[in-house]
């Protein structure tokens, strides 16, 4: 899911957990948080592109800043943060973490990525 966000905007953990990854993937900063008490295998949220303010192994609280939105290029006109949710290798809708009162209706949708150059060395 893409959330409108400009470079430098704070990125906050959607739920309490432990940072299982804070580094670079395909030239973009990524933070991944394993959600505490979310089952076996546990749920993981991912955030990218992010300049991490946390390190692997750090415990985070819901709402805690885990980094800031890194500079693009973006496939969104004004910049965005990609927010993902997984259980093992299965992708899930991150909106399922939000209480119904926060949802304004309308389904999530993936947008095609056109015109974004592959980072050097990505093998893409």
C-alpha atoms as a PDB file:
ATOM      1  CA  UNK A   1       0.000   0.000   0.000  1.00  0.00           C
ATOM      2  CA  UNK A   2       1.327   3.439  -0.867  1.00  0.00           C
ATOM      3  CA  UNK A   3       0.753   6.273   1.565  1.00  0.00           C
ATOM      4  CA  UNK A   4       1.280   9.864   0.431  1.00  0.00           C
ATOM      5  CA  UNK A   5       4.406  11.163   2.173  1.00  0.00           C
ATOM      6  CA  UNK A   6       7.156  13.601   1.331  1.00  0.00           C
ATOM      7  CA  UNK A   7      10.861  12.936   1.885  1.00  0.00           C
ATOM      8  CA  UNK A   8      11.807  13.609   5.494  1.00  0.00           C
ATOM      9  CA  UNK A   9       8.360  12.751   6.900  1.00  0.00           C
ATOM     10  CA  UNK A  10       8.435  10.623  10.057  1.00  0.00           C
ATOM     11  CA  UNK A  11       7.690   6.907   9.618  1.00  0.00           C
ATOM     12  CA  UNK A  12       6.047   5.324  12.664  1.00  0.00           C
ATOM     13  CA  UNK A  13       5.607   1.671  13.619  1.00  0.00           C
ATOM     14  CA  UNK A  14       2.054   0.473  13.032  1.00  0.00           C
ATOM     15  CA  UNK A  15       2.294  -1.903  16.003  1.00  0.00           C
ATOM     16  CA  UNK A  16       4.656  -2.861  18.805  1.00  0.00           C
ATOM     17  CA  UNK A  17       7.347  -5.389  17.972  1.00  0.00           C
ATOM     18  CA  UNK A  18      10.985  -6.045  17.184  1.00  0.00           C
ATOM     19  CA  UNK A  19      12.976  -4.715  14.228  1.00  0.00           C
ATOM     20  CA  UNK A  20      14.024  -7.740  12.152  1.00  0.00           C
ATOM     21  CA  UNK A  21      15.580  -5.763   9.295  1.00  0.00           C
ATOM     22  CA  UNK A  22      16.871  -2.227   8.852  1.00  0.00           C
ATOM     23  CA  UNK A  23      18.977  -1.848   5.742  1.00  0.00           C
ATOM     24  CA  UNK A  24      19.004  -1.560   1.979  1.00  0.00           C
ATOM     25  CA  UNK A  25      17.172  -3.724  -0.549  1.00  0.00           C
ATOM     26  CA  UNK A  26      17.672  -2.993  -4.251  1.00  0.00           C
ATOM     27  CA  UNK A  27      19.127   0.424  -3.400  1.00  0.00           C
ATOM     28  CA  UNK A  28      16.228   1.542  -1.175  1.00  0.00           C
ATOM     29  CA  UNK A  29      16.099   1.747   2.611  1.00  0.00           C
ATOM     30  CA  UNK A  30      13.738  -0.740   4.260  1.00  0.00           C
ATOM     31  CA  UNK A  31      12.632  -1.306   7.846  1.00  0.00           C
ATOM     32  CA  UNK A  32      10.764  -4.485   8.804  1.00  0.00           C
ATOM     33  CA  UNK A  33       9.089  -4.972  12.199  1.00  0.00           C
ATOM     34  CA  UNK A  34       7.899  -8.337  13.535  1.00  0.00           C
ATOM     35  CA  UNK A  35       4.665  -7.646  15.416  1.00  0.00           C
ATOM     36  CA  UNK A  36       4.674  -8.915  19.002  1.00  0.00           C
ATOM     37  CA  UNK A  37       2.118 -11.614  19.835  1.00  0.00           C
ATOM     38  CA  UNK A  38       0.846 -11.921  16.259  1.00  0.00           C
ATOM     39  CA  UNK A  39       1.044 -15.710  15.924  1.00  0.00           C
ATOM     40  CA  UNK A  40       3.317 -18.263  14.321  1.00  0.00           C
ATOM     41  CA  UNK A  41       4.655 -17.323  11.920  1.00  0.00           C
ATOM     42  CA  UNK A  42       4.406 -13.723  13.137  1.00  0.00           C
ATOM     43  CA  UNK A  43       3.134 -10.786  11.137  1.00  0.00           C
ATOM     44  CA  UNK A  44       5.734  -8.382   9.746  1.00  0.00           C
ATOM     45  CA  UNK A  45       5.221  -4.819   8.627  1.00  0.00           C
ATOM     46  CA  UNK A  46       7.589  -3.261   6.105  1.00  0.00           C
ATOM     47  CA  UNK A  47       8.244   0.374   5.303  1.00  0.00           C
ATOM     48  CA  UNK A  48      10.172   1.756   2.297  1.00  0.00           C
ATOM     49  CA  UNK A  49      11.944   3.927   1.186  1.00  0.00           C
ATOM     50  CA  UNK A  50      13.126   4.755   4.696  1.00  0.00           C
ATOM     51  CA  UNK A  51      16.189   6.269   6.351  1.00  0.00           C
ATOM     52  CA  UNK A  52      16.197   4.020   9.409  1.00  0.00           C
ATOM     53  CA  UNK A  53      16.359   5.447  12.926  1.00  0.00           C
ATOM     54  CA  UNK A  54      16.343   1.924  14.407  1.00  0.00           C
ATOM     55  CA  UNK A  55      18.574  -1.137  14.102  1.00  0.00           C
ATOM     56  CA  UNK A  56      17.954  -4.861  13.833  1.00  0.00           C
ATOM     57  CA  UNK A  57      16.960  -6.209  17.265  1.00  0.00           C
ATOM     58  CA  UNK A  58      15.518  -2.930  18.584  1.00  0.00           C
ATOM     59  CA  UNK A  59      12.124  -3.147  20.286  1.00  0.00           C
ATOM     60  CA  UNK A  60       9.623  -0.535  19.121  1.00  0.00           C
ATOM     61  CA  UNK A  61       6.297   0.687  20.477  1.00  0.00           C
ATOM     62  CA  UNK A  62       3.230   1.323  18.349  1.00  0.00           C
ATOM     63  CA  UNK A  63       3.585   4.831  16.957  1.00  0.00           C
ATOM     64  CA  UNK A  64       7.325   5.052  17.622  1.00  0.00           C
ATOM     65  CA  UNK A  65       9.386   6.704  14.892  1.00  0.00           C
ATOM     66  CA  UNK A  66      11.390   4.030  13.043  1.00  0.00           C
ATOM     67  CA  UNK A  67      12.828   6.382  10.432  1.00  0.00           C
ATOM     68  CA  UNK A  68      11.972   9.006   7.865  1.00  0.00           C
ATOM     69  CA  UNK A  69      10.849   8.816   4.260  1.00  0.00           C
ATOM     70  CA  UNK A  70      13.965   8.724   2.082  1.00  0.00           C
ATOM     71  CA  UNK A  71      14.351  10.664  -1.156  1.00  0.00           C
ATOM     72  CA  UNK A  72      12.875   9.182  -4.350  1.00  0.00           C
ATOM     73  CA  UNK A  73      12.569   8.553  -7.176  1.00  0.00           C
ATOM     74  CA  UNK A  74       8.931   7.753  -6.456  1.00  0.00           C
ATOM     75  CA  UNK A  75       6.172   6.351  -8.627  1.00  0.00           C
ATOM     76  CA  UNK A  76       3.744   8.615  -6.747  1.00  0.00           C
ATOM     77  CA  UNK A  77       3.538  12.213  -8.007  1.00  0.00           C
ATOM     78  CA  UNK A  78       4.511  13.929  -4.718  1.00  0.00           C
ATOM     79  CA  UNK A  79       6.278  11.048  -2.965  1.00  0.00           C
ATOM     80  CA  UNK A  80       5.036   8.108  -0.937  1.00  0.00           C
ATOM     81  CA  UNK A  81       5.827   5.478   1.638  1.00  0.00           C
ATOM     82  CA  UNK A  82       5.183   1.846   0.763  1.00  0.00           C
ATOM     83  CA  UNK A  83       3.643   0.043   3.750  1.00  0.00           C
ATOM     84  CA  UNK A  84       3.434  -3.723   3.574  1.00  0.00           C
ATOM     85  CA  UNK A  85       2.223  -6.592   5.723  1.00  0.00           C
ATOM     86  CA  UNK A  86       3.277 -10.239   5.480  1.00  0.00           C
ATOM     87  CA  UNK A  87       2.865 -13.512   7.313  1.00  0.00           C
ATOM     88  CA  UNK A  88       5.781 -15.740   6.181  1.00  0.00           C
ATOM     89  CA  UNK A  89       5.755 -15.439   2.359  1.00  0.00           C
ATOM     90  CA  UNK A  90       2.091 -14.378   2.084  1.00  0.00           C
ATOM     91  CA  UNK A  91       1.323 -10.701   1.500  1.00  0.00           C
ATOM     92  CA  UNK A  92      -1.673  -9.311   3.373  1.00  0.00           C
ATOM     93  CA  UNK A  93      -3.584  -6.034   3.375  1.00  0.00           C
ATOM     94  CA  UNK A  94      -1.927  -3.702   5.926  1.00  0.00           C
ATOM     95  CA  UNK A  95      -5.262  -1.929   6.376  1.00  0.00           C
ATOM     96  CA  UNK A  96      -6.350  -5.032   8.294  1.00  0.00           C
ATOM     97  CA  UNK A  97      -4.219  -3.691  11.188  1.00  0.00           C
ATOM     98  CA  UNK A  98      -6.376  -0.576  11.486  1.00  0.00           C
ATOM     99  CA  UNK A  99      -9.626  -0.313  13.427  1.00  0.00           C
ATOM    100  CA  UNK A 100     -12.694  -0.039  11.146  1.00  0.00           C
ATOM    101  CA  UNK A 101     -13.371   3.528  12.345  1.00  0.00           C
ATOM    102  CA  UNK A 102     -10.110   4.653  10.668  1.00  0.00           C
ATOM    103  CA  UNK A 103     -11.046   3.250   7.274  1.00  0.00           C
ATOM    104  CA  UNK A 104     -12.883   5.551   4.892  1.00  0.00           C
ATOM    105  CA  UNK A 105     -14.095   2.840   2.540  1.00  0.00           C
ATOM    106  CA  UNK A 106     -12.896   1.802  -0.861  1.00  0.00           C
ATOM    107  CA  UNK A 107     -10.651  -1.157  -1.609  1.00  0.00           C
ATOM    108  CA  UNK A 108      -6.861  -1.064  -1.695  1.00  0.00           C
ATOM    109  CA  UNK A 109      -5.297  -1.298  -5.131  1.00  0.00           C
ATOM    110  CA  UNK A 110      -1.840  -1.781  -6.520  1.00  0.00           C
ATOM    111  CA  UNK A 111      -0.627   0.690  -9.111  1.00  0.00           C
ATOM    112  CA  UNK A 112       1.728  -0.161 -11.961  1.00  0.00           C
ATOM    113  CA  UNK A 113       5.257   1.187 -11.764  1.00  0.00           C
ATOM    114  CA  UNK A 114       6.334   2.900 -14.967  1.00  0.00           C
ATOM    115  CA  UNK A 115       9.341   5.103 -15.576  1.00  0.00           C
ATOM    116  CA  UNK A 116      11.182   4.271 -12.360  1.00  0.00           C
ATOM    117  CA  UNK A 117      14.760   3.289 -13.202  1.00  0.00           C
ATOM    118  CA  UNK A 118      16.117   0.095 -11.663  1.00  0.00           C
ATOM    119  CA  UNK A 119      18.775   0.826  -9.020  1.00  0.00           C
ATOM    120  CA  UNK A 120      22.318   0.030 -10.141  1.00  0.00           C
ATOM    121  CA  UNK A 121      23.365  -3.521  -9.373  1.00  0.00           C
ATOM    122  CA  UNK A 122      19.784  -4.764  -8.842  1.00  0.00           C
ATOM    123  CA  UNK A 123      20.071  -7.306 -11.647  1.00  0.00           C
ATOM    124  CA  UNK A 124      16.532  -6.382 -12.695  1.00  0.00           C
END
